[in-house]
């Protein structure tokens, strides 16, 4: 299953980001500091996971395998 993962901008120098998993490619909404997808709400993931995903390289397409 292909999905999208994206991280918000840090709210301060200490971090404060959210990491979301989306069904469709999300678009960034600057006024709300979040990513929005036309297919509903994201599944939020622990922000410490996937440290290689940053705001600058978001969104990224990922493949999810169910085992």
C-alpha atoms as a PDB file:
ATOM      1  CA  UNK A   1       0.000   0.000   0.000  1.00  0.00           C
ATOM      2  CA  UNK A   2       1.463   3.376  -0.987  1.00  0.00           C
ATOM      3  CA  UNK A   3       0.942   6.337   1.327  1.00  0.00           C
ATOM      4  CA  UNK A   4       2.561   9.683   2.138  1.00  0.00           C
ATOM      5  CA  UNK A   5       4.472  10.812   5.243  1.00  0.00           C
ATOM      6  CA  UNK A   6       5.088  14.456   6.169  1.00  0.00           C
ATOM      7  CA  UNK A   7       6.504  16.443   9.096  1.00  0.00           C
ATOM      8  CA  UNK A   8       5.392  19.926  10.155  1.00  0.00           C
ATOM      9  CA  UNK A   9       7.757  22.847  10.681  1.00  0.00           C
ATOM     10  CA  UNK A  10       9.281  23.004  14.166  1.00  0.00           C
ATOM     11  CA  UNK A  11       7.440  25.533  16.324  1.00  0.00           C
ATOM     12  CA  UNK A  12      10.636  26.437  18.173  1.00  0.00           C
ATOM     13  CA  UNK A  13      14.349  25.622  18.216  1.00  0.00           C
ATOM     14  CA  UNK A  14      13.599  22.695  20.546  1.00  0.00           C
ATOM     15  CA  UNK A  15      11.428  20.959  17.974  1.00  0.00           C
ATOM     16  CA  UNK A  16       7.726  20.526  18.449  1.00  0.00           C
ATOM     17  CA  UNK A  17       6.869  18.814  15.164  1.00  0.00           C
ATOM     18  CA  UNK A  18       4.100  16.446  14.118  1.00  0.00           C
ATOM     19  CA  UNK A  19       4.580  13.492  11.796  1.00  0.00           C
ATOM     20  CA  UNK A  20       1.566  12.321   9.817  1.00  0.00           C
ATOM     21  CA  UNK A  21       0.740   9.434   7.504  1.00  0.00           C
ATOM     22  CA  UNK A  22      -1.676  10.274   4.657  1.00  0.00           C
ATOM     23  CA  UNK A  23      -3.606   8.305   2.020  1.00  0.00           C
ATOM     24  CA  UNK A  24      -3.093  11.001  -0.644  1.00  0.00           C
ATOM     25  CA  UNK A  25      -0.274  13.487  -1.174  1.00  0.00           C
ATOM     26  CA  UNK A  26      -0.869  16.350   1.283  1.00  0.00           C
ATOM     27  CA  UNK A  27      -0.391  20.082   0.683  1.00  0.00           C
ATOM     28  CA  UNK A  28       1.188  22.347   3.288  1.00  0.00           C
ATOM     29  CA  UNK A  29      -1.030  25.051   4.850  1.00  0.00           C
ATOM     30  CA  UNK A  30       1.291  27.758   6.213  1.00  0.00           C
ATOM     31  CA  UNK A  31      -1.445  29.571   8.164  1.00  0.00           C
ATOM     32  CA  UNK A  32      -2.133  26.432  10.232  1.00  0.00           C
ATOM     33  CA  UNK A  33       1.393  24.915  10.209  1.00  0.00           C
ATOM     34  CA  UNK A  34       0.043  21.581   9.011  1.00  0.00           C
ATOM     35  CA  UNK A  35      -0.262  19.309   6.017  1.00  0.00           C
ATOM     36  CA  UNK A  36      -3.744  18.733   4.595  1.00  0.00           C
ATOM     37  CA  UNK A  37      -4.932  15.912   2.403  1.00  0.00           C
ATOM     38  CA  UNK A  38      -8.197  15.759   0.450  1.00  0.00           C
ATOM     39  CA  UNK A  39      -8.740  12.227   1.840  1.00  0.00           C
ATOM     40  CA  UNK A  40      -9.368  13.125   5.463  1.00  0.00           C
ATOM     41  CA  UNK A  41      -7.271  13.243   8.598  1.00  0.00           C
ATOM     42  CA  UNK A  42      -3.783  11.769   8.927  1.00  0.00           C
ATOM     43  CA  UNK A  43      -2.661   9.013  11.217  1.00  0.00           C
ATOM     44  CA  UNK A  44      -0.229  10.725  13.597  1.00  0.00           C
ATOM     45  CA  UNK A  45       3.024   8.885  14.298  1.00  0.00           C
ATOM     46  CA  UNK A  46       5.449   9.406  17.188  1.00  0.00           C
ATOM     47  CA  UNK A  47       7.510  12.433  16.104  1.00  0.00           C
ATOM     48  CA  UNK A  48      10.730  10.626  17.139  1.00  0.00           C
ATOM     49  CA  UNK A  49      10.158   8.003  14.446  1.00  0.00           C
ATOM     50  CA  UNK A  50      11.598   8.478  10.962  1.00  0.00           C
ATOM     51  CA  UNK A  51      14.211  11.137  11.851  1.00  0.00           C
ATOM     52  CA  UNK A  52      15.259  11.291   8.179  1.00  0.00           C
ATOM     53  CA  UNK A  53      11.858  12.809   7.296  1.00  0.00           C
ATOM     54  CA  UNK A  54      12.111  16.568   7.772  1.00  0.00           C
ATOM     55  CA  UNK A  55       9.842  19.453   6.878  1.00  0.00           C
ATOM     56  CA  UNK A  56      12.232  20.358   4.059  1.00  0.00           C
ATOM     57  CA  UNK A  57      11.954  16.935   2.364  1.00  0.00           C
ATOM     58  CA  UNK A  58       8.245  16.380   3.107  1.00  0.00           C
ATOM     59  CA  UNK A  59       6.003  14.946   1.843  1.00  0.00           C
ATOM     60  CA  UNK A  60       7.551  11.623   0.907  1.00  0.00           C
ATOM     61  CA  UNK A  61       5.827   8.645  -0.611  1.00  0.00           C
ATOM     62  CA  UNK A  62       6.211   5.441   1.401  1.00  0.00           C
ATOM     63  CA  UNK A  63       5.164   1.862   0.911  1.00  0.00           C
ATOM     64  CA  UNK A  64       3.453   0.138   3.833  1.00  0.00           C
ATOM     65  CA  UNK A  65       3.627  -3.655   4.026  1.00  0.00           C
ATOM     66  CA  UNK A  66       1.281  -5.563   6.263  1.00  0.00           C
ATOM     67  CA  UNK A  67       2.814  -8.746   7.629  1.00  0.00           C
END
